[in-house]
Amino acid sequence: MSNPVITQPGAGSYGTNVQTGEWSTGLCSCCSDLLVCALGCICPIALSCYTANKYGENVCLACVPGGMAALRTHMRLTYGIQGTICNDALMACCCGLFETCRMAREIRIRNGET
């Protein structure tokens, strides 16, 4: 007979700020990742599709009304970032480009790509 499991394996490493409940970068920290900043300035739709794809969602999510707000909510819950659904909708609507850049940076940081 095998030995019983006494302890559960720990959670994987997802990058910075997993325990703090905050985004790894600020809303206006565009220059911290020049690739994301350039793509966001040249073609914001391409950055939105890139972000959805890197997160594991369909790239068409970026073209659906409310899609980026839904992606932000899911990302926030997955990474343990504090906030509300109302805040997610407002940030995606009012600060769309900046928020899309921040979400792309967050994914890249947590995947170890920066």
PDB file of N, CA and C in Angstrom:
ATOM      1  N   MET A   1       0.828  -1.168   0.000  1.00  0.00           N
ATOM      2  CA  MET A   1       0.000   0.000   0.000  1.00  0.00           C
ATOM      3  C   MET A   1       0.888   1.253   0.000  1.00  0.00           C
ATOM      4  N   SER A   2       0.446   2.293  -0.682  1.00  0.00           N
ATOM      5  CA  SER A   2       1.259   3.507  -0.763  1.00  0.00           C
ATOM      6  C   SER A   2       1.043   4.389   0.466  1.00  0.00           C
ATOM      7  N   ASN A   3       2.007   5.266   0.684  1.00  0.00           N
ATOM      8  CA  ASN A   3       1.924   6.182   1.816  1.00  0.00           C
ATOM      9  C   ASN A   3       0.889   7.267   1.532  1.00  0.00           C
ATOM     10  N   PRO A   4       0.140   7.705   2.546  1.00  0.00           N
ATOM     11  CA  PRO A   4      -0.841   8.778   2.326  1.00  0.00           C
ATOM     12  C   PRO A   4      -0.134  10.117   2.115  1.00  0.00           C
ATOM     13  N   VAL A   5      -0.801  10.992   1.388  1.00  0.00           N
ATOM     14  CA  VAL A   5      -0.273  12.335   1.162  1.00  0.00           C
ATOM     15  C   VAL A   5      -0.485  13.148   2.423  1.00  0.00           C
ATOM     16  N   ILE A   6       0.606  13.677   2.961  1.00  0.00           N
ATOM     17  CA  ILE A   6       0.531  14.450   4.203  1.00  0.00           C
ATOM     18  C   ILE A   6       0.462  15.942   3.903  1.00  0.00           C
ATOM     19  N   THR A   7       1.209  16.387   2.899  1.00  0.00           N
ATOM     20  CA  THR A   7       1.188  17.797   2.525  1.00  0.00           C
ATOM     21  C   THR A   7       0.873  17.908   1.044  1.00  0.00           C
ATOM     22  N   GLN A   8       0.203  18.991   0.687  1.00  0.00           N
ATOM     23  CA  GLN A   8      -0.123  19.258  -0.706  1.00  0.00           C
ATOM     24  C   GLN A   8       1.024  20.029  -1.342  1.00  0.00           C
ATOM     25  N   PRO A   9       1.255  19.828  -2.633  1.00  0.00           N
ATOM     26  CA  PRO A   9       2.300  20.609  -3.292  1.00  0.00           C
ATOM     27  C   PRO A   9       1.935  22.085  -3.307  1.00  0.00           C
ATOM     28  N   GLY A  10       2.951  22.928  -3.250  1.00  0.00           N
ATOM     29  CA  GLY A  10       2.731  24.364  -3.247  1.00  0.00           C
ATOM     30  C   GLY A  10       2.332  24.870  -4.614  1.00  0.00           C
ATOM     31  N   ALA A  11       1.806  26.073  -4.634  1.00  0.00           N
ATOM     32  CA  ALA A  11       1.409  26.701  -5.888  1.00  0.00           C
ATOM     33  C   ALA A  11       2.640  27.042  -6.702  1.00  0.00           C
ATOM     34  N   GLY A  12       2.479  27.044  -8.011  1.00  0.00           N
ATOM     35  CA  GLY A  12       3.584  27.391  -8.895  1.00  0.00           C
ATOM     36  C   GLY A  12       3.937  28.856  -8.788  1.00  0.00           C
ATOM     37  N   SER A  13       5.082  29.198  -9.273  1.00  0.00           N
ATOM     38  CA  SER A  13       5.527  30.586  -9.253  1.00  0.00           C
ATOM     39  C   SER A  13       4.936  31.322 -10.450  1.00  0.00           C
ATOM     40  N   TYR A  14       4.201  32.378 -10.191  1.00  0.00           N
ATOM     41  CA  TYR A  14       3.564  33.135 -11.258  1.00  0.00           C
ATOM     42  C   TYR A  14       4.167  34.510 -11.433  1.00  0.00           C
ATOM     43  N   GLY A  15       5.274  34.793 -10.857  1.00  0.00           N
ATOM     44  CA  GLY A  15       5.906  36.094 -11.039  1.00  0.00           C
ATOM     45  C   GLY A  15       5.728  36.970  -9.816  1.00  0.00           C
ATOM     46  N   THR A  16       5.721  38.260 -10.050  1.00  0.00           N
ATOM     47  CA  THR A  16       5.701  39.213  -8.945  1.00  0.00           C
ATOM     48  C   THR A  16       4.291  39.488  -8.457  1.00  0.00           C
ATOM     49  N   ASN A  17       4.192  39.957  -7.247  1.00  0.00           N
ATOM     50  CA  ASN A  17       2.966  40.445  -6.636  1.00  0.00           C
ATOM     51  C   ASN A  17       1.836  39.433  -6.526  1.00  0.00           C
ATOM     52  N   VAL A  18       2.128  38.128  -6.508  1.00  0.00           N
ATOM     53  CA  VAL A  18       1.070  37.139  -6.375  1.00  0.00           C
ATOM     54  C   VAL A  18       0.401  37.272  -5.018  1.00  0.00           C
ATOM     55  N   GLN A  19       1.152  37.522  -3.979  1.00  0.00           N
ATOM     56  CA  GLN A  19       0.579  37.616  -2.654  1.00  0.00           C
ATOM     57  C   GLN A  19       0.032  39.004  -2.322  1.00  0.00           C
ATOM     58  N   THR A  20       0.469  40.037  -2.992  1.00  0.00           N
ATOM     59  CA  THR A  20       0.069  41.385  -2.612  1.00  0.00           C
ATOM     60  C   THR A  20      -1.301  41.769  -3.122  1.00  0.00           C
ATOM     61  N   GLY A  21      -1.817  41.096  -4.139  1.00  0.00           N
ATOM     62  CA  GLY A  21      -3.120  41.432  -4.671  1.00  0.00           C
ATOM     63  C   GLY A  21      -3.118  42.684  -5.517  1.00  0.00           C
ATOM     64  N   GLU A  22      -1.987  43.020  -6.115  1.00  0.00           N
ATOM     65  CA  GLU A  22      -1.883  44.215  -6.953  1.00  0.00           C
ATOM     66  C   GLU A  22      -1.267  43.851  -8.299  1.00  0.00           C
ATOM     67  N   TRP A  23      -1.467  44.722  -9.271  1.00  0.00           N
ATOM     68  CA  TRP A  23      -0.860  44.543 -10.585  1.00  0.00           C
ATOM     69  C   TRP A  23       0.649  44.719 -10.445  1.00  0.00           C
ATOM     70  N   SER A  24       1.409  44.045 -11.283  1.00  0.00           N
ATOM     71  CA  SER A  24       2.874  44.129 -11.222  1.00  0.00           C
ATOM     72  C   SER A  24       3.388  45.486 -11.666  1.00  0.00           C
ATOM     73  N   THR A  25       2.657  46.162 -12.546  1.00  0.00           N
ATOM     74  CA  THR A  25       3.058  47.487 -13.026  1.00  0.00           C
ATOM     75  C   THR A  25       1.874  48.437 -12.910  1.00  0.00           C
ATOM     76  N   GLY A  26       2.177  49.711 -12.937  1.00  0.00           N
ATOM     77  CA  GLY A  26       1.126  50.718 -12.865  1.00  0.00           C
ATOM     78  C   GLY A  26       0.437  50.920 -14.207  1.00  0.00           C
ATOM     79  N   LEU A  27      -0.661  51.623 -14.177  1.00  0.00           N
ATOM     80  CA  LEU A  27      -1.441  51.865 -15.390  1.00  0.00           C
ATOM     81  C   LEU A  27      -0.636  52.623 -16.440  1.00  0.00           C
ATOM     82  N   CYS A  28       0.174  53.558 -16.023  1.00  0.00           N
ATOM     83  CA  CYS A  28       0.939  54.386 -16.971  1.00  0.00           C
ATOM     84  C   CYS A  28       2.408  53.989 -17.055  1.00  0.00           C
ATOM     85  N   SER A  29       2.734  52.744 -16.775  1.00  0.00           N
ATOM     86  CA  SER A  29       4.116  52.267 -16.831  1.00  0.00           C
ATOM     87  C   SER A  29       4.440  51.689 -18.205  1.00  0.00           C
ATOM     88  N   CYS A  30       4.001  52.357 -19.242  1.00  0.00           N
ATOM     89  CA  CYS A  30       4.154  51.825 -20.605  1.00  0.00           C
ATOM     90  C   CYS A  30       5.613  51.612 -20.995  1.00  0.00           C
ATOM     91  N   CYS A  31       6.494  52.465 -20.528  1.00  0.00           N
ATOM     92  CA  CYS A  31       7.894  52.367 -20.940  1.00  0.00           C
ATOM     93  C   CYS A  31       8.637  51.205 -20.282  1.00  0.00           C
ATOM     94  N   SER A  32       7.995  50.510 -19.353  1.00  0.00           N
ATOM     95  CA  SER A  32       8.672  49.380 -18.717  1.00  0.00           C
ATOM     96  C   SER A  32       8.743  48.167 -19.649  1.00  0.00           C
ATOM     97  N   ASP A  33       7.945  48.142 -20.708  1.00  0.00           N
ATOM     98  CA  ASP A  33       8.001  47.084 -21.722  1.00  0.00           C
ATOM     99  C   ASP A  33       7.786  47.750 -23.073  1.00  0.00           C
ATOM    100  N   LEU A  34       8.875  48.057 -23.753  1.00  0.00           N
ATOM    101  CA  LEU A  34       8.789  48.822 -25.002  1.00  0.00           C
ATOM    102  C   LEU A  34       8.085  48.069 -26.122  1.00  0.00           C
ATOM    103  N   LEU A  35       8.173  46.745 -26.159  1.00  0.00           N
ATOM    104  CA  LEU A  35       7.473  45.971 -27.180  1.00  0.00           C
ATOM    105  C   LEU A  35       5.967  46.151 -27.041  1.00  0.00           C
ATOM    106  N   VAL A  36       5.463  46.020 -25.833  1.00  0.00           N
ATOM    107  CA  VAL A  36       4.033  46.193 -25.578  1.00  0.00           C
ATOM    108  C   VAL A  36       3.614  47.622 -25.879  1.00  0.00           C
ATOM    109  N   CYS A  37       4.426  48.586 -25.455  1.00  0.00           N
ATOM    110  CA  CYS A  37       4.119  49.997 -25.686  1.00  0.00           C
ATOM    111  C   CYS A  37       4.047  50.314 -27.182  1.00  0.00           C
ATOM    112  N   ALA A  38       5.016  49.825 -27.931  1.00  0.00           N
ATOM    113  CA  ALA A  38       5.038  50.082 -29.375  1.00  0.00           C
ATOM    114  C   ALA A  38       3.850  49.438 -30.071  1.00  0.00           C
ATOM    115  N   LEU A  39       3.570  48.197 -29.743  1.00  0.00           N
ATOM    116  CA  LEU A  39       2.441  47.513 -30.358  1.00  0.00           C
ATOM    117  C   LEU A  39       1.129  48.191 -30.001  1.00  0.00           C
ATOM    118  N   GLY A  40       1.003  48.650 -28.757  1.00  0.00           N
ATOM    119  CA  GLY A  40      -0.198  49.359 -28.333  1.00  0.00           C
ATOM    120  C   GLY A  40      -0.394  50.676 -29.054  1.00  0.00           C
ATOM    121  N   CYS A  41       0.687  51.386 -29.326  1.00  0.00           N
ATOM    122  CA  CYS A  41       0.591  52.674 -30.031  1.00  0.00           C
ATOM    123  C   CYS A  41       0.334  52.492 -31.523  1.00  0.00           C
ATOM    124  N   ILE A  42       0.967  51.490 -32.115  1.00  0.00           N
ATOM    125  CA  ILE A  42       0.834  51.285 -33.558  1.00  0.00           C
ATOM    126  C   ILE A  42      -0.500  50.635 -33.904  1.00  0.00           C
ATOM    127  N   CYS A  43      -0.878  49.588 -33.184  1.00  0.00           N
ATOM    128  CA  CYS A  43      -2.111  48.865 -33.499  1.00  0.00           C
ATOM    129  C   CYS A  43      -2.716  48.281 -32.219  1.00  0.00           C
ATOM    130  N   PRO A  44      -3.577  49.044 -31.554  1.00  0.00           N
ATOM    131  CA  PRO A  44      -4.155  48.585 -30.289  1.00  0.00           C
ATOM    132  C   PRO A  44      -4.965  47.284 -30.420  1.00  0.00           C
ATOM    133  N   ILE A  45      -5.625  47.084 -31.553  1.00  0.00           N
ATOM    134  CA  ILE A  45      -6.393  45.849 -31.742  1.00  0.00           C
ATOM    135  C   ILE A  45      -5.454  44.645 -31.766  1.00  0.00           C
ATOM    136  N   ALA A  46      -4.305  44.793 -32.419  1.00  0.00           N
ATOM    137  CA  ALA A  46      -3.325  43.699 -32.449  1.00  0.00           C
ATOM    138  C   ALA A  46      -2.832  43.383 -31.039  1.00  0.00           C
ATOM    139  N   LEU A  47      -2.614  44.413 -30.216  1.00  0.00           N
ATOM    140  CA  LEU A  47      -2.183  44.185 -28.829  1.00  0.00           C
ATOM    141  C   LEU A  47      -3.276  43.476 -28.036  1.00  0.00           C
ATOM    142  N   SER A  48      -4.525  43.866 -28.258  1.00  0.00           N
ATOM    143  CA  SER A  48      -5.636  43.204 -27.567  1.00  0.00           C
ATOM    144  C   SER A  48      -5.722  41.734 -27.967  1.00  0.00           C
ATOM    145  N   CYS A  49      -5.562  41.444 -29.249  1.00  0.00           N
ATOM    146  CA  CYS A  49      -5.582  40.051 -29.721  1.00  0.00           C
ATOM    147  C   CYS A  49      -4.396  39.271 -29.160  1.00  0.00           C
ATOM    148  N   TYR A  50      -3.213  39.902 -29.138  1.00  0.00           N
ATOM    149  CA  TYR A  50      -2.007  39.290 -28.570  1.00  0.00           C
ATOM    150  C   TYR A  50      -2.232  38.949 -27.091  1.00  0.00           C
ATOM    151  N   THR A  51      -2.817  39.904 -26.359  1.00  0.00           N
ATOM    152  CA  THR A  51      -3.058  39.712 -24.932  1.00  0.00           C
ATOM    153  C   THR A  51      -4.016  38.550 -24.692  1.00  0.00           C
ATOM    154  N   ALA A  52      -5.110  38.517 -25.433  1.00  0.00           N
ATOM    155  CA  ALA A  52      -6.073  37.430 -25.287  1.00  0.00           C
ATOM    156  C   ALA A  52      -5.422  36.088 -25.617  1.00  0.00           C
ATOM    157  N   ASN A  53      -4.637  36.046 -26.679  1.00  0.00           N
ATOM    158  CA  ASN A  53      -3.973  34.808 -27.091  1.00  0.00           C
ATOM    159  C   ASN A  53      -2.967  34.341 -26.039  1.00  0.00           C
ATOM    160  N   LYS A  54      -2.132  35.250 -25.532  1.00  0.00           N
ATOM    161  CA  LYS A  54      -1.133  34.883 -24.519  1.00  0.00           C
ATOM    162  C   LYS A  54      -1.787  34.406 -23.229  1.00  0.00           C
ATOM    163  N   TYR A  55      -2.995  34.888 -22.966  1.00  0.00           N
ATOM    164  CA  TYR A  55      -3.713  34.472 -21.761  1.00  0.00           C
ATOM    165  C   TYR A  55      -4.436  33.138 -21.962  1.00  0.00           C
ATOM    166  N   GLY A  56      -4.487  32.692 -23.219  1.00  0.00           N
ATOM    167  CA  GLY A  56      -5.123  31.409 -23.496  1.00  0.00           C
ATOM    168  C   GLY A  56      -6.559  31.517 -23.955  1.00  0.00           C
ATOM    169  N   GLU A  57      -6.976  32.718 -24.297  1.00  0.00           N
ATOM    170  CA  GLU A  57      -8.333  32.938 -24.787  1.00  0.00           C
ATOM    171  C   GLU A  57      -8.314  33.100 -26.307  1.00  0.00           C
ATOM    172  N   ASN A  58      -9.485  33.056 -26.899  1.00  0.00           N
ATOM    173  CA  ASN A  58      -9.626  33.250 -28.335  1.00  0.00           C
ATOM    174  C   ASN A  58      -9.261  34.687 -28.687  1.00  0.00           C
ATOM    175  N   VAL A  59      -8.523  34.878 -29.784  1.00  0.00           N
ATOM    176  CA  VAL A  59      -8.099  36.223 -30.174  1.00  0.00           C
ATOM    177  C   VAL A  59      -9.282  37.123 -30.518  1.00  0.00           C
ATOM    178  N   CYS A  60     -10.416  36.529 -30.900  1.00  0.00           N
ATOM    179  CA  CYS A  60     -11.607  37.316 -31.237  1.00  0.00           C
ATOM    180  C   CYS A  60     -12.215  37.994 -30.012  1.00  0.00           C
ATOM    181  N   LEU A  61     -11.798  37.589 -28.813  1.00  0.00           N
ATOM    182  CA  LEU A  61     -12.319  38.205 -27.593  1.00  0.00           C
ATOM    183  C   LEU A  61     -12.059  39.705 -27.592  1.00  0.00           C
ATOM    184  N   ALA A  62     -10.975  40.119 -28.216  1.00  0.00           N
ATOM    185  CA  ALA A  62     -10.624  41.538 -28.253  1.00  0.00           C
ATOM    186  C   ALA A  62     -11.616  42.350 -29.076  1.00  0.00           C
ATOM    187  N   CYS A  63     -12.327  41.711 -29.977  1.00  0.00           N
ATOM    188  CA  CYS A  63     -13.264  42.407 -30.871  1.00  0.00           C
ATOM    189  C   CYS A  63     -14.699  42.374 -30.365  1.00  0.00           C
ATOM    190  N   VAL A  64     -14.959  41.636 -29.315  1.00  0.00           N
ATOM    191  CA  VAL A  64     -16.308  41.521 -28.757  1.00  0.00           C
ATOM    192  C   VAL A  64     -16.522  42.651 -27.758  1.00  0.00           C
ATOM    193  N   PRO A  65     -17.667  43.363 -27.837  1.00  0.00           N
ATOM    194  CA  PRO A  65     -17.935  44.408 -26.837  1.00  0.00           C
ATOM    195  C   PRO A  65     -17.891  43.828 -25.423  1.00  0.00           C
ATOM    196  N   GLY A  66     -17.089  44.427 -24.577  1.00  0.00           N
ATOM    197  CA  GLY A  66     -16.942  43.957 -23.199  1.00  0.00           C
ATOM    198  C   GLY A  66     -15.942  42.824 -23.042  1.00  0.00           C
ATOM    199  N   GLY A  67     -15.346  42.416 -24.143  1.00  0.00           N
ATOM    200  CA  GLY A  67     -14.416  41.292 -24.093  1.00  0.00           C
ATOM    201  C   GLY A  67     -13.179  41.571 -23.257  1.00  0.00           C
ATOM    202  N   MET A  68     -12.616  42.757 -23.401  1.00  0.00           N
ATOM    203  CA  MET A  68     -11.407  43.078 -22.638  1.00  0.00           C
ATOM    204  C   MET A  68     -11.727  43.265 -21.155  1.00  0.00           C
ATOM    205  N   ALA A  69     -12.931  43.747 -20.843  1.00  0.00           N
ATOM    206  CA  ALA A  69     -13.331  43.849 -19.440  1.00  0.00           C
ATOM    207  C   ALA A  69     -13.460  42.448 -18.835  1.00  0.00           C
ATOM    208  N   ALA A  70     -14.039  41.530 -19.613  1.00  0.00           N
ATOM    209  CA  ALA A  70     -14.162  40.145 -19.142  1.00  0.00           C
ATOM    210  C   ALA A  70     -12.790  39.508 -18.963  1.00  0.00           C
ATOM    211  N   LEU A  71     -11.883  39.773 -19.907  1.00  0.00           N
ATOM    212  CA  LEU A  71     -10.526  39.240 -19.799  1.00  0.00           C
ATOM    213  C   LEU A  71      -9.823  39.810 -18.570  1.00  0.00           C
ATOM    214  N   ARG A  72     -10.007  41.110 -18.318  1.00  0.00           N
ATOM    215  CA  ARG A  72      -9.388  41.747 -17.147  1.00  0.00           C
ATOM    216  C   ARG A  72      -9.922  41.119 -15.861  1.00  0.00           C
ATOM    217  N   THR A  73     -11.230  40.874 -15.812  1.00  0.00           N
ATOM    218  CA  THR A  73     -11.824  40.259 -14.625  1.00  0.00           C
ATOM    219  C   THR A  73     -11.257  38.867 -14.399  1.00  0.00           C
ATOM    220  N   HIS A  74     -11.183  38.077 -15.458  1.00  0.00           N
ATOM    221  CA  HIS A  74     -10.664  36.712 -15.325  1.00  0.00           C
ATOM    222  C   HIS A  74      -9.199  36.728 -14.910  1.00  0.00           C
ATOM    223  N   MET A  75      -8.423  37.609 -15.519  1.00  0.00           N
ATOM    224  CA  MET A  75      -7.004  37.717 -15.192  1.00  0.00           C
ATOM    225  C   MET A  75      -6.827  38.141 -13.732  1.00  0.00           C
ATOM    226  N   ARG A  76      -7.613  39.107 -13.309  1.00  0.00           N
ATOM    227  CA  ARG A  76      -7.521  39.604 -11.947  1.00  0.00           C
ATOM    228  C   ARG A  76      -7.842  38.496 -10.937  1.00  0.00           C
ATOM    229  N   LEU A  77      -8.880  37.716 -11.218  1.00  0.00           N
ATOM    230  CA  LEU A  77      -9.247  36.627 -10.313  1.00  0.00           C
ATOM    231  C   LEU A  77      -8.205  35.511 -10.327  1.00  0.00           C
ATOM    232  N   THR A  78      -7.666  35.197 -11.500  1.00  0.00           N
ATOM    233  CA  THR A  78      -6.651  34.155 -11.613  1.00  0.00           C
ATOM    234  C   THR A  78      -5.388  34.518 -10.847  1.00  0.00           C
ATOM    235  N   TYR A  79      -4.962  35.754 -10.969  1.00  0.00           N
ATOM    236  CA  TYR A  79      -3.716  36.191 -10.343  1.00  0.00           C
ATOM    237  C   TYR A  79      -3.904  36.715  -8.920  1.00  0.00           C
ATOM    238  N   GLY A  80      -5.131  36.717  -8.415  1.00  0.00           N
ATOM    239  CA  GLY A  80      -5.381  37.164  -7.049  1.00  0.00           C
ATOM    240  C   GLY A  80      -5.236  38.662  -6.863  1.00  0.00           C
ATOM    241  N   ILE A  81      -5.545  39.422  -7.898  1.00  0.00           N
ATOM    242  CA  ILE A  81      -5.451  40.879  -7.830  1.00  0.00           C
ATOM    243  C   ILE A  81      -6.781  41.422  -7.325  1.00  0.00           C
ATOM    244  N   GLN A  82      -6.715  42.330  -6.372  1.00  0.00           N
ATOM    245  CA  GLN A  82      -7.933  42.886  -5.795  1.00  0.00           C
ATOM    246  C   GLN A  82      -8.646  43.787  -6.786  1.00  0.00           C
ATOM    247  N   GLY A  83      -9.948  43.896  -6.642  1.00  0.00           N
ATOM    248  CA  GLY A  83     -10.742  44.761  -7.494  1.00  0.00           C
ATOM    249  C   GLY A  83     -12.170  44.270  -7.598  1.00  0.00           C
ATOM    250  N   THR A  84     -12.954  44.959  -8.420  1.00  0.00           N
ATOM    251  CA  THR A  84     -14.349  44.605  -8.616  1.00  0.00           C
ATOM    252  C   THR A  84     -14.650  44.515 -10.107  1.00  0.00           C
ATOM    253  N   ILE A  85     -15.750  43.872 -10.426  1.00  0.00           N
ATOM    254  CA  ILE A  85     -16.169  43.775 -11.824  1.00  0.00           C
ATOM    255  C   ILE A  85     -16.505  45.152 -12.373  1.00  0.00           C
ATOM    256  N   CYS A  86     -17.114  45.994 -11.553  1.00  0.00           N
ATOM    257  CA  CYS A  86     -17.434  47.359 -11.968  1.00  0.00           C
ATOM    258  C   CYS A  86     -16.154  48.120 -12.321  1.00  0.00           C
ATOM    259  N   ASN A  87     -15.139  47.987 -11.502  1.00  0.00           N
ATOM    260  CA  ASN A  87     -13.848  48.630 -11.768  1.00  0.00           C
ATOM    261  C   ASN A  87     -13.232  48.081 -13.050  1.00  0.00           C
ATOM    262  N   ASP A  88     -13.356  46.767 -13.277  1.00  0.00           N
ATOM    263  CA  ASP A  88     -12.824  46.167 -14.504  1.00  0.00           C
ATOM    264  C   ASP A  88     -13.480  46.781 -15.732  1.00  0.00           C
ATOM    265  N   ALA A  89     -14.805  46.923 -15.689  1.00  0.00           N
ATOM    266  CA  ALA A  89     -15.535  47.496 -16.824  1.00  0.00           C
ATOM    267  C   ALA A  89     -15.140  48.956 -17.054  1.00  0.00           C
ATOM    268  N   LEU A  90     -15.034  49.717 -15.978  1.00  0.00           N
ATOM    269  CA  LEU A  90     -14.658  51.131 -16.111  1.00  0.00           C
ATOM    270  C   LEU A  90     -13.239  51.291 -16.642  1.00  0.00           C
ATOM    271  N   MET A  91     -12.315  50.490 -16.147  1.00  0.00           N
ATOM    272  CA  MET A  91     -10.931  50.586 -16.610  1.00  0.00           C
ATOM    273  C   MET A  91     -10.818  50.200 -18.087  1.00  0.00           C
ATOM    274  N   ALA A  92     -11.516  49.146 -18.494  1.00  0.00           N
ATOM    275  CA  ALA A  92     -11.457  48.718 -19.890  1.00  0.00           C
ATOM    276  C   ALA A  92     -12.110  49.746 -20.805  1.00  0.00           C
ATOM    277  N   CYS A  93     -13.163  50.405 -20.324  1.00  0.00           N
ATOM    278  CA  CYS A  93     -13.881  51.380 -21.146  1.00  0.00           C
ATOM    279  C   CYS A  93     -13.170  52.733 -21.184  1.00  0.00           C
ATOM    280  N   CYS A  94     -12.793  53.243 -20.032  1.00  0.00           N
ATOM    281  CA  CYS A  94     -12.245  54.603 -19.950  1.00  0.00           C
ATOM    282  C   CYS A  94     -10.739  54.677 -20.186  1.00  0.00           C
ATOM    283  N   CYS A  95     -10.022  53.626 -19.872  1.00  0.00           N
ATOM    284  CA  CYS A  95      -8.565  53.629 -20.005  1.00  0.00           C
ATOM    285  C   CYS A  95      -8.126  52.467 -20.882  1.00  0.00           C
ATOM    286  N   GLY A  96      -8.887  52.176 -21.921  1.00  0.00           N
ATOM    287  CA  GLY A  96      -8.719  50.984 -22.737  1.00  0.00           C
ATOM    288  C   GLY A  96      -7.300  50.657 -23.154  1.00  0.00           C
ATOM    289  N   LEU A  97      -6.624  51.581 -23.839  1.00  0.00           N
ATOM    290  CA  LEU A  97      -5.278  51.309 -24.329  1.00  0.00           C
ATOM    291  C   LEU A  97      -4.294  51.098 -23.190  1.00  0.00           C
ATOM    292  N   PHE A  98      -4.358  51.949 -22.181  1.00  0.00           N
ATOM    293  CA  PHE A  98      -3.443  51.810 -21.040  1.00  0.00           C
ATOM    294  C   PHE A  98      -3.688  50.497 -20.303  1.00  0.00           C
ATOM    295  N   GLU A  99      -4.952  50.138 -20.145  1.00  0.00           N
ATOM    296  CA  GLU A  99      -5.274  48.911 -19.426  1.00  0.00           C
ATOM    297  C   GLU A  99      -4.879  47.681 -20.234  1.00  0.00           C
ATOM    298  N   THR A 100      -5.064  47.727 -21.535  1.00  0.00           N
ATOM    299  CA  THR A 100      -4.649  46.609 -22.384  1.00  0.00           C
ATOM    300  C   THR A 100      -3.136  46.437 -22.322  1.00  0.00           C
ATOM    301  N   CYS A 101      -2.400  47.534 -22.323  1.00  0.00           N
ATOM    302  CA  CYS A 101      -0.938  47.462 -22.185  1.00  0.00           C
ATOM    303  C   CYS A 101      -0.560  46.857 -20.837  1.00  0.00           C
ATOM    304  N   ARG A 102      -1.250  47.260 -19.772  1.00  0.00           N
ATOM    305  CA  ARG A 102      -0.935  46.724 -18.446  1.00  0.00           C
ATOM    306  C   ARG A 102      -1.226  45.229 -18.379  1.00  0.00           C
ATOM    307  N   MET A 103      -2.334  44.788 -18.979  1.00  0.00           N
ATOM    308  CA  MET A 103      -2.656  43.363 -18.969  1.00  0.00           C
ATOM    309  C   MET A 103      -1.618  42.571 -19.758  1.00  0.00           C
ATOM    310  N   ALA A 104      -1.172  43.119 -20.897  1.00  0.00           N
ATOM    311  CA  ALA A 104      -0.134  42.438 -21.687  1.00  0.00           C
ATOM    312  C   ALA A 104       1.169  42.353 -20.896  1.00  0.00           C
ATOM    313  N   ARG A 105       1.539  43.444 -20.211  1.00  0.00           N
ATOM    314  CA  ARG A 105       2.755  43.422 -19.383  1.00  0.00           C
ATOM    315  C   ARG A 105       2.623  42.403 -18.260  1.00  0.00           C
ATOM    316  N   GLU A 106       1.457  42.329 -17.650  1.00  0.00           N
ATOM    317  CA  GLU A 106       1.237  41.388 -16.545  1.00  0.00           C
ATOM    318  C   GLU A 106       1.441  39.952 -17.007  1.00  0.00           C
ATOM    319  N   ILE A 107       0.891  39.624 -18.155  1.00  0.00           N
ATOM    320  CA  ILE A 107       1.039  38.267 -18.688  1.00  0.00           C
ATOM    321  C   ILE A 107       2.506  37.982 -18.986  1.00  0.00           C
ATOM    322  N   ARG A 108       3.193  38.930 -19.620  1.00  0.00           N
ATOM    323  CA  ARG A 108       4.601  38.734 -19.949  1.00  0.00           C
ATOM    324  C   ARG A 108       5.453  38.586 -18.690  1.00  0.00           C
ATOM    325  N   ILE A 109       5.174  39.367 -17.667  1.00  0.00           N
ATOM    326  CA  ILE A 109       5.930  39.286 -16.412  1.00  0.00           C
ATOM    327  C   ILE A 109       5.687  37.943 -15.741  1.00  0.00           C
ATOM    328  N   ARG A 110       4.441  37.530 -15.664  1.00  0.00           N
ATOM    329  CA  ARG A 110       4.118  36.281 -14.974  1.00  0.00           C
ATOM    330  C   ARG A 110       4.561  35.050 -15.760  1.00  0.00           C
ATOM    331  N   ASN A 111       4.734  35.192 -17.075  1.00  0.00           N
ATOM    332  CA  ASN A 111       5.258  34.092 -17.887  1.00  0.00           C
ATOM    333  C   ASN A 111       6.781  34.136 -17.978  1.00  0.00           C
ATOM    334  N   GLY A 112       7.411  35.137 -17.362  1.00  0.00           N
ATOM    335  CA  GLY A 112       8.860  35.248 -17.363  1.00  0.00           C
ATOM    336  C   GLY A 112       9.429  35.693 -18.694  1.00  0.00           C
ATOM    337  N   GLU A 113       8.666  36.464 -19.455  1.00  0.00           N
ATOM    338  CA  GLU A 113       9.109  36.894 -20.788  1.00  0.00           C
ATOM    339  C   GLU A 113       9.789  38.247 -20.786  1.00  0.00           C
ATOM    340  N   THR A 114       9.827  38.941 -19.656  1.00  0.00           N
ATOM    341  CA  THR A 114      10.494  40.252 -19.640  1.00  0.00           C
ATOM    342  C   THR A 114      11.730  40.205 -18.803  1.00  0.00           C
TER     343      THR A 114
END
